[in-house]
Structure formats: structure tokens, C-alpha cells
Protein backbone atom coordinates (compact mmCIF):
# COMPACT_ATOMS: atom_id res chain seq x y z
CA LEU A 1 4.63 -48.45 -165.86
CA VAL A 2 4.23 -44.66 -166.00
CA LEU A 3 1.43 -44.76 -163.37
CA ALA A 4 3.71 -46.99 -160.97
CA TYR A 5 6.49 -44.51 -161.44
CA GLU A 6 4.46 -41.31 -160.84
CA HIS A 7 3.01 -42.95 -157.78
CA VAL A 8 6.47 -43.48 -156.27
CA HIS A 9 8.22 -40.46 -157.41
CA HIS A 10 5.41 -37.94 -157.76
CA PRO A 11 2.64 -38.74 -155.32
CA ILE A 12 -0.22 -36.52 -155.30
CA PRO A 13 -1.21 -35.53 -151.67
CA ALA A 14 -4.73 -36.07 -150.42
CA PRO A 15 -6.90 -32.68 -150.76
CA SER A 16 -7.55 -30.70 -147.66
CA ASP A 17 -11.08 -31.01 -146.02
CA ALA A 18 -11.49 -27.43 -147.26
CA ALA A 19 -10.44 -28.11 -150.82
CA MET A 20 -12.65 -31.35 -150.94
CA LEU A 21 -15.89 -29.47 -149.80
CA ARG A 22 -15.05 -26.58 -152.08
CA HIS A 23 -14.75 -28.91 -155.05
CA LEU A 24 -17.77 -30.77 -154.39
CA MET A 25 -19.85 -27.54 -153.75
CA GLU A 26 -18.73 -26.10 -157.10
CA ALA A 27 -19.13 -29.21 -158.91
CA LYS A 28 -22.65 -29.24 -157.83
CA GLY A 29 -23.14 -25.53 -158.02
CA VAL A 30 -24.34 -25.02 -154.27
CA THR A 31 -23.79 -22.16 -151.96
CA GLN A 32 -22.95 -22.66 -148.27
CA MET A 33 -26.80 -21.79 -147.42
CA GLN A 34 -28.01 -24.33 -149.92
CA LEU A 35 -25.73 -26.95 -148.34
CA TYR A 36 -26.91 -26.00 -144.79
CA GLN A 37 -30.75 -26.33 -145.75
CA ALA A 38 -29.99 -29.67 -147.34
CA THR A 39 -27.76 -31.43 -144.57
CA LYS A 40 -28.70 -29.29 -141.47
CA ILE A 41 -25.03 -28.90 -140.72
CA SER A 42 -24.53 -25.41 -139.43
CA LEU A 43 -23.39 -22.79 -141.53
CA SER A 44 -20.64 -21.79 -138.85
CA THR A 45 -19.27 -25.53 -139.39
CA ILE A 46 -19.36 -25.48 -142.95
CA SER A 47 -17.75 -22.05 -143.01
CA GLU A 48 -15.10 -23.31 -140.59
CA ILE A 49 -14.38 -26.36 -142.77
CA LEU A 50 -14.01 -24.10 -145.88
CA SER A 51 -11.52 -21.75 -144.06
CA GLY A 52 -9.56 -24.68 -142.85
CA LYS A 53 -10.39 -24.15 -139.03
CA ARG A 54 -12.30 -27.51 -138.78
CA HIS A 55 -11.95 -30.97 -139.82
CA PHE A 56 -14.48 -33.42 -140.92
CA THR A 57 -16.18 -35.33 -138.50
CA LYS A 58 -18.02 -38.85 -138.97
CA GLY A 59 -21.19 -36.97 -138.87
CA THR A 60 -20.26 -34.43 -141.36
CA ILE A 61 -18.75 -37.12 -143.58
CA ALA A 62 -22.06 -39.03 -143.41
CA ALA A 63 -24.04 -35.96 -144.38
CA PHE A 64 -21.84 -34.71 -147.20
CA ALA A 65 -21.53 -38.26 -148.69
CA ALA A 66 -25.31 -38.67 -148.78
CA TYR A 67 -25.91 -35.16 -150.15
CA PHE A 68 -23.06 -35.12 -152.85
CA HIS A 69 -24.02 -38.91 -153.82
CA VAL A 70 -20.48 -40.04 -153.10
CA ASP A 71 -18.82 -42.97 -151.30
CA LYS A 72 -17.90 -42.17 -147.53
CA GLY A 73 -14.48 -43.59 -148.49
CA LEU A 74 -13.75 -40.41 -150.64
CA PHE A 75 -13.40 -38.51 -147.27
CA ALA A 76 -11.42 -41.43 -145.60
CA SER A 77 -8.00 -39.87 -146.23
CA ASN A 78 -9.01 -36.68 -144.45
CA PHE A 79 -10.50 -38.36 -141.45
């Protein structure tokens, strides 16, 4: 009942693309350079996502999901 009440009266918004990527990077302990080297997503794209200037694309979602070993659906609310 508590969960249902909180879901209705105190919903938690989906994290921004920047917050999501930042969290995943911190959890795995990787830098932007390491992420670039592993995913081949340009440093400028990674930087722009982290600064909130760019959003995830289908390509970045696929690459990040594979790299961080998470389901693509984790990013679905942000796409």
C-alpha cells in the first residue's frame, strides 16, 4: 500500500540522460576517455550528453547498454 501511495502522490521522475550516464560511469569507475575507447562514441558526444546539451540516440543507447551490461529499456524513459 505504501508503494502504491508513493507512486501516486510522490512519483520519482526519470533521471536525465546526463544523470543516467554519469551514474553508470561512476558505478563502473570509468572516465570519458575509457568510455570512448570501449564504445567508439566520440568524446564530444559523451561530453555533450554529460553536460545536458545532447540526448541519447538509438545508437548511443545500444552502445551504452552493451558496455554497461544493462537492458536497453533502462534508457527507454529517456528516449
